[in-house]
């Protein structure tokens, strides 16, 4: 009887393994990539917010915000986590 009880749980274990590799793991990777993108934001990067605004980063603040210039002389404060995409990266300053 012990083998029969274990055999009943095998399909559940397989379903969980499939769910992990097809759903959970890709979502975790996507979240990790987004966090890395947000942490790499610098002044001069052109970004798209989740609301669809396109602008250039003017200032990166430590409290999870950035200032984005959406038009000449018009800057808005944006939460870093709402950045959906970085269109143009600025080149890092060369040392030496």
N, C-alpha and C. Protein backbone atom coordinates (compact mmCIF):
# COMPACT_ATOMS: atom_id res chain seq x y z
N UNK A 1 0.80 -1.20 0.00
CA UNK A 1 0.00 0.00 0.00
C UNK A 1 0.85 1.27 0.00
N UNK A 2 2.05 1.19 0.52
CA UNK A 2 2.90 2.37 0.57
C UNK A 2 3.24 2.85 -0.84
N UNK A 3 3.51 1.93 -1.75
CA UNK A 3 3.84 2.29 -3.12
C UNK A 3 2.66 2.94 -3.82
N UNK A 4 1.46 2.52 -3.51
CA UNK A 4 0.26 3.09 -4.13
C UNK A 4 0.02 4.52 -3.70
N UNK A 5 0.28 4.82 -2.43
CA UNK A 5 0.10 6.20 -1.94
C UNK A 5 1.10 7.13 -2.60
N UNK A 6 2.32 6.67 -2.75
CA UNK A 6 3.35 7.51 -3.39
C UNK A 6 3.02 7.73 -4.86
N UNK A 7 2.51 6.71 -5.51
CA UNK A 7 2.17 6.80 -6.93
C UNK A 7 1.07 7.84 -7.17
N UNK A 8 0.23 8.08 -6.18
CA UNK A 8 -0.82 9.08 -6.33
C UNK A 8 -0.25 10.50 -6.29
N UNK A 9 0.87 10.68 -5.61
CA UNK A 9 1.46 12.01 -5.50
C UNK A 9 2.40 12.35 -6.65
N UNK A 10 2.84 11.36 -7.39
CA UNK A 10 3.76 11.61 -8.50
C UNK A 10 3.19 12.60 -9.52
N UNK A 11 1.94 12.46 -9.96
CA UNK A 11 1.41 13.46 -10.91
C UNK A 11 1.39 14.88 -10.34
N UNK A 12 1.08 15.02 -9.06
CA UNK A 12 1.07 16.35 -8.45
C UNK A 12 2.47 16.95 -8.43
N UNK A 13 3.45 16.13 -8.12
CA UNK A 13 4.83 16.60 -8.10
C UNK A 13 5.27 17.01 -9.51
N UNK A 14 4.90 16.23 -10.50
CA UNK A 14 5.23 16.57 -11.89
C UNK A 14 4.56 17.86 -12.33
N UNK A 15 3.30 18.05 -11.96
CA UNK A 15 2.59 19.28 -12.31
C UNK A 15 3.26 20.49 -11.67
N UNK A 16 3.66 20.38 -10.40
CA UNK A 16 4.34 21.48 -9.74
C UNK A 16 5.68 21.79 -10.42
N UNK A 17 6.42 20.76 -10.80
CA UNK A 17 7.71 20.96 -11.46
C UNK A 17 7.52 21.67 -12.80
N UNK A 18 6.52 21.26 -13.55
CA UNK A 18 6.24 21.89 -14.84
C UNK A 18 5.83 23.35 -14.64
N UNK A 19 4.96 23.62 -13.66
CA UNK A 19 4.55 24.99 -13.36
C UNK A 19 5.75 25.85 -12.99
N UNK A 20 6.66 25.29 -12.20
CA UNK A 20 7.84 26.05 -11.78
C UNK A 20 8.68 26.45 -12.98
N UNK A 21 8.97 25.51 -13.87
CA UNK A 21 9.85 25.81 -15.00
C UNK A 21 9.18 26.62 -16.10
N UNK A 22 7.86 26.54 -16.23
CA UNK A 22 7.18 27.28 -17.28
C UNK A 22 6.63 28.64 -16.84
N UNK A 23 6.35 28.81 -15.55
CA UNK A 23 5.72 30.06 -15.10
C UNK A 23 6.55 30.80 -14.07
N UNK A 24 6.88 30.18 -12.98
CA UNK A 24 7.51 30.88 -11.85
C UNK A 24 8.92 31.32 -12.20
N UNK A 25 9.73 30.42 -12.73
CA UNK A 25 11.13 30.73 -13.01
C UNK A 25 11.28 31.87 -14.04
N UNK A 26 10.54 31.86 -15.17
CA UNK A 26 10.66 32.98 -16.12
C UNK A 26 10.23 34.32 -15.51
N UNK A 27 9.21 34.31 -14.64
CA UNK A 27 8.77 35.56 -14.01
C UNK A 27 9.85 36.09 -13.08
N UNK A 28 10.51 35.21 -12.34
CA UNK A 28 11.59 35.65 -11.46
C UNK A 28 12.75 36.23 -12.26
N UNK A 29 13.07 35.62 -13.40
CA UNK A 29 14.15 36.13 -14.24
C UNK A 29 13.79 37.50 -14.81
N UNK A 30 12.55 37.66 -15.25
CA UNK A 30 12.10 38.94 -15.80
C UNK A 30 12.16 40.03 -14.73
N UNK A 31 11.74 39.71 -13.51
CA UNK A 31 11.79 40.66 -12.41
C UNK A 31 13.23 41.05 -12.09
N UNK A 32 14.12 40.09 -12.08
CA UNK A 32 15.53 40.35 -11.80
C UNK A 32 16.15 41.24 -12.89
N UNK A 33 15.81 40.98 -14.16
CA UNK A 33 16.31 41.80 -15.26
C UNK A 33 15.78 43.24 -15.16
N UNK A 34 14.50 43.39 -14.78
CA UNK A 34 13.92 44.73 -14.64
C UNK A 34 14.60 45.50 -13.51
N UNK A 35 14.85 44.83 -12.39
CA UNK A 35 15.52 45.49 -11.27
C UNK A 35 16.92 45.93 -11.66
N UNK A 36 17.64 45.11 -12.42
CA UNK A 36 18.98 45.47 -12.88
C UNK A 36 18.92 46.67 -13.82
N UNK A 37 17.91 46.71 -14.70
CA UNK A 37 17.75 47.83 -15.62
C UNK A 37 17.49 49.12 -14.86
N UNK A 38 16.62 49.05 -13.85
CA UNK A 38 16.27 50.23 -13.07
C UNK A 38 17.49 50.73 -12.27
N UNK A 39 18.25 49.81 -11.71
CA UNK A 39 19.43 50.20 -10.93
C UNK A 39 20.51 50.82 -11.81
N UNK A 40 20.53 50.49 -13.11
CA UNK A 40 21.55 51.00 -14.01
C UNK A 40 21.17 52.34 -14.65
N UNK A 41 20.01 52.90 -14.29
CA UNK A 41 19.59 54.18 -14.88
C UNK A 41 20.57 55.28 -14.52
N UNK A 42 20.88 56.12 -15.52
CA UNK A 42 21.79 57.23 -15.30
C UNK A 42 21.27 58.47 -16.00
N UNK A 43 21.82 59.59 -15.63
CA UNK A 43 21.44 60.86 -16.25
C UNK A 43 21.72 60.79 -17.75
N UNK A 44 20.75 61.21 -18.53
CA UNK A 44 20.89 61.21 -19.98
C UNK A 44 20.23 60.04 -20.67
N UNK A 45 19.86 59.00 -19.94
CA UNK A 45 19.17 57.85 -20.54
C UNK A 45 17.78 58.27 -21.01
N UNK A 46 17.38 57.77 -22.15
CA UNK A 46 16.02 58.03 -22.64
C UNK A 46 15.17 56.83 -22.23
N UNK A 47 14.06 57.09 -21.54
CA UNK A 47 13.25 56.02 -20.96
C UNK A 47 11.78 56.14 -21.36
N UNK A 48 11.07 55.01 -21.23
CA UNK A 48 9.62 54.97 -21.41
C UNK A 48 9.03 54.51 -20.09
N UNK A 49 8.03 55.25 -19.58
CA UNK A 49 7.37 54.84 -18.34
C UNK A 49 6.24 53.88 -18.67
N UNK A 50 5.70 53.23 -17.65
CA UNK A 50 4.57 52.33 -17.87
C UNK A 50 3.34 53.08 -18.35
N UNK A 51 3.28 54.37 -18.08
CA UNK A 51 2.17 55.18 -18.55
C UNK A 51 2.33 55.63 -19.99
N UNK A 52 3.48 55.33 -20.59
CA UNK A 52 3.70 55.67 -22.00
C UNK A 52 4.45 56.96 -22.23
N UNK A 53 4.89 57.64 -21.17
CA UNK A 53 5.65 58.87 -21.35
C UNK A 53 7.09 58.54 -21.75
N UNK A 54 7.60 59.29 -22.72
CA UNK A 54 8.99 59.12 -23.15
C UNK A 54 9.73 60.38 -22.74
N UNK A 55 10.87 60.20 -22.10
CA UNK A 55 11.64 61.36 -21.67
C UNK A 55 13.07 60.99 -21.39
N UNK A 56 13.83 62.03 -21.00
CA UNK A 56 15.25 61.86 -20.71
C UNK A 56 15.48 62.05 -19.22
N UNK A 57 16.24 61.14 -18.62
CA UNK A 57 16.53 61.21 -17.19
C UNK A 57 17.40 62.43 -16.93
N UNK A 58 16.95 63.30 -16.02
CA UNK A 58 17.71 64.48 -15.65
C UNK A 58 18.45 64.30 -14.34
N UNK A 59 17.83 63.55 -13.42
CA UNK A 59 18.42 63.38 -12.10
C UNK A 59 17.96 62.05 -11.52
N UNK A 60 18.90 61.30 -10.95
CA UNK A 60 18.58 60.04 -10.28
C UNK A 60 18.69 60.28 -8.79
N UNK A 61 17.60 60.07 -8.07
CA UNK A 61 17.58 60.29 -6.63
C UNK A 61 17.75 58.97 -5.90
N UNK A 62 18.16 59.03 -4.63
CA UNK A 62 18.38 57.83 -3.84
C UNK A 62 17.10 57.22 -3.29
N UNK A 63 16.03 57.97 -3.23
CA UNK A 63 14.80 57.50 -2.59
C UNK A 63 13.85 56.78 -3.56
N UNK A 64 14.39 56.19 -4.62
CA UNK A 64 13.55 55.43 -5.54
C UNK A 64 12.85 56.27 -6.58
N UNK A 65 13.29 57.51 -6.77
CA UNK A 65 12.68 58.39 -7.76
C UNK A 65 13.73 58.86 -8.75
N UNK A 66 13.25 59.27 -9.91
CA UNK A 66 14.10 59.95 -10.88
C UNK A 66 13.32 61.15 -11.41
N UNK A 67 14.05 62.12 -11.92
CA UNK A 67 13.42 63.25 -12.59
C UNK A 67 13.60 63.05 -14.08
N UNK A 68 12.48 63.10 -14.82
CA UNK A 68 12.50 62.85 -16.26
C UNK A 68 12.00 64.10 -16.96
N UNK A 69 12.77 64.55 -17.95
CA UNK A 69 12.35 65.70 -18.76
C UNK A 69 11.54 65.17 -19.94
N UNK A 70 10.25 65.53 -19.98
CA UNK A 70 9.38 65.02 -21.03
C UNK A 70 9.21 66.02 -22.17
N UNK A 71 9.60 67.27 -21.93
CA UNK A 71 9.57 68.31 -22.94
C UNK A 71 10.57 69.37 -22.52
N UNK A 72 10.86 70.30 -23.37
CA UNK A 72 11.83 71.35 -23.02
C UNK A 72 11.38 72.10 -21.78
N UNK A 73 12.14 71.98 -20.71
CA UNK A 73 11.85 72.69 -19.47
C UNK A 73 10.76 72.07 -18.62
N UNK A 74 10.23 70.91 -19.02
CA UNK A 74 9.17 70.24 -18.25
C UNK A 74 9.74 68.94 -17.68
N UNK A 75 9.92 68.92 -16.35
CA UNK A 75 10.41 67.70 -15.72
C UNK A 75 9.36 67.16 -14.76
N UNK A 76 9.30 65.85 -14.67
CA UNK A 76 8.37 65.20 -13.75
C UNK A 76 9.15 64.22 -12.89
N UNK A 77 8.65 64.02 -11.68
CA UNK A 77 9.24 63.01 -10.78
C UNK A 77 8.55 61.68 -11.07
N UNK A 78 9.35 60.64 -11.25
CA UNK A 78 8.83 59.32 -11.60
C UNK A 78 9.42 58.30 -10.65
N UNK A 79 8.61 57.36 -10.19
CA UNK A 79 9.09 56.26 -9.37
C UNK A 79 9.91 55.34 -10.28
N UNK A 80 11.09 54.96 -9.83
CA UNK A 80 11.99 54.15 -10.66
C UNK A 80 11.34 52.86 -11.14
N UNK A 81 10.56 52.22 -10.28
CA UNK A 81 9.96 50.93 -10.62
C UNK A 81 8.97 51.02 -11.78
N UNK A 82 8.50 52.24 -12.11
CA UNK A 82 7.53 52.38 -13.20
C UNK A 82 8.20 52.59 -14.55
N UNK A 83 9.52 52.49 -14.62
CA UNK A 83 10.20 52.58 -15.90
C UNK A 83 10.02 51.24 -16.62
N UNK A 84 9.45 51.30 -17.81
CA UNK A 84 9.18 50.07 -18.56
C UNK A 84 10.32 49.68 -19.48
N UNK A 85 11.03 50.69 -20.02
CA UNK A 85 12.05 50.39 -21.02
C UNK A 85 13.04 51.52 -21.09
N UNK A 86 14.28 51.20 -21.38
CA UNK A 86 15.31 52.21 -21.63
C UNK A 86 15.57 52.19 -23.13
N UNK A 87 15.30 53.33 -23.79
CA UNK A 87 15.46 53.40 -25.24
C UNK A 87 16.91 53.64 -25.64
N UNK A 88 17.53 54.65 -25.06
CA UNK A 88 18.92 54.99 -25.39
C UNK A 88 19.71 55.11 -24.11
N UNK A 89 20.78 54.33 -24.01
CA UNK A 89 21.66 54.41 -22.86
C UNK A 89 22.76 55.42 -23.16
N UNK A 90 23.16 56.18 -22.13
CA UNK A 90 24.31 57.05 -22.29
C UNK A 90 25.56 56.22 -22.02
N UNK A 91 26.62 56.59 -22.65
CA UNK A 91 27.87 55.87 -22.46
C UNK A 91 28.46 56.24 -21.11
N UNK A 92 29.00 55.26 -20.38
CA UNK A 92 29.62 55.59 -19.09
C UNK A 92 30.85 56.47 -19.30
N UNK A 93 31.12 57.31 -18.30
CA UNK A 93 32.29 58.19 -18.38
C UNK A 93 33.54 57.33 -18.41
N UNK A 94 34.45 57.67 -19.33
CA UNK A 94 35.68 56.89 -19.46
C UNK A 94 36.69 57.39 -18.44
N UNK A 95 37.32 56.45 -17.76
CA UNK A 95 38.33 56.80 -16.76
C UNK A 95 39.69 56.79 -17.42
N UNK A 96 40.48 57.79 -17.02
CA UNK A 96 41.86 57.78 -17.50
C UNK A 96 42.16 58.77 -18.49
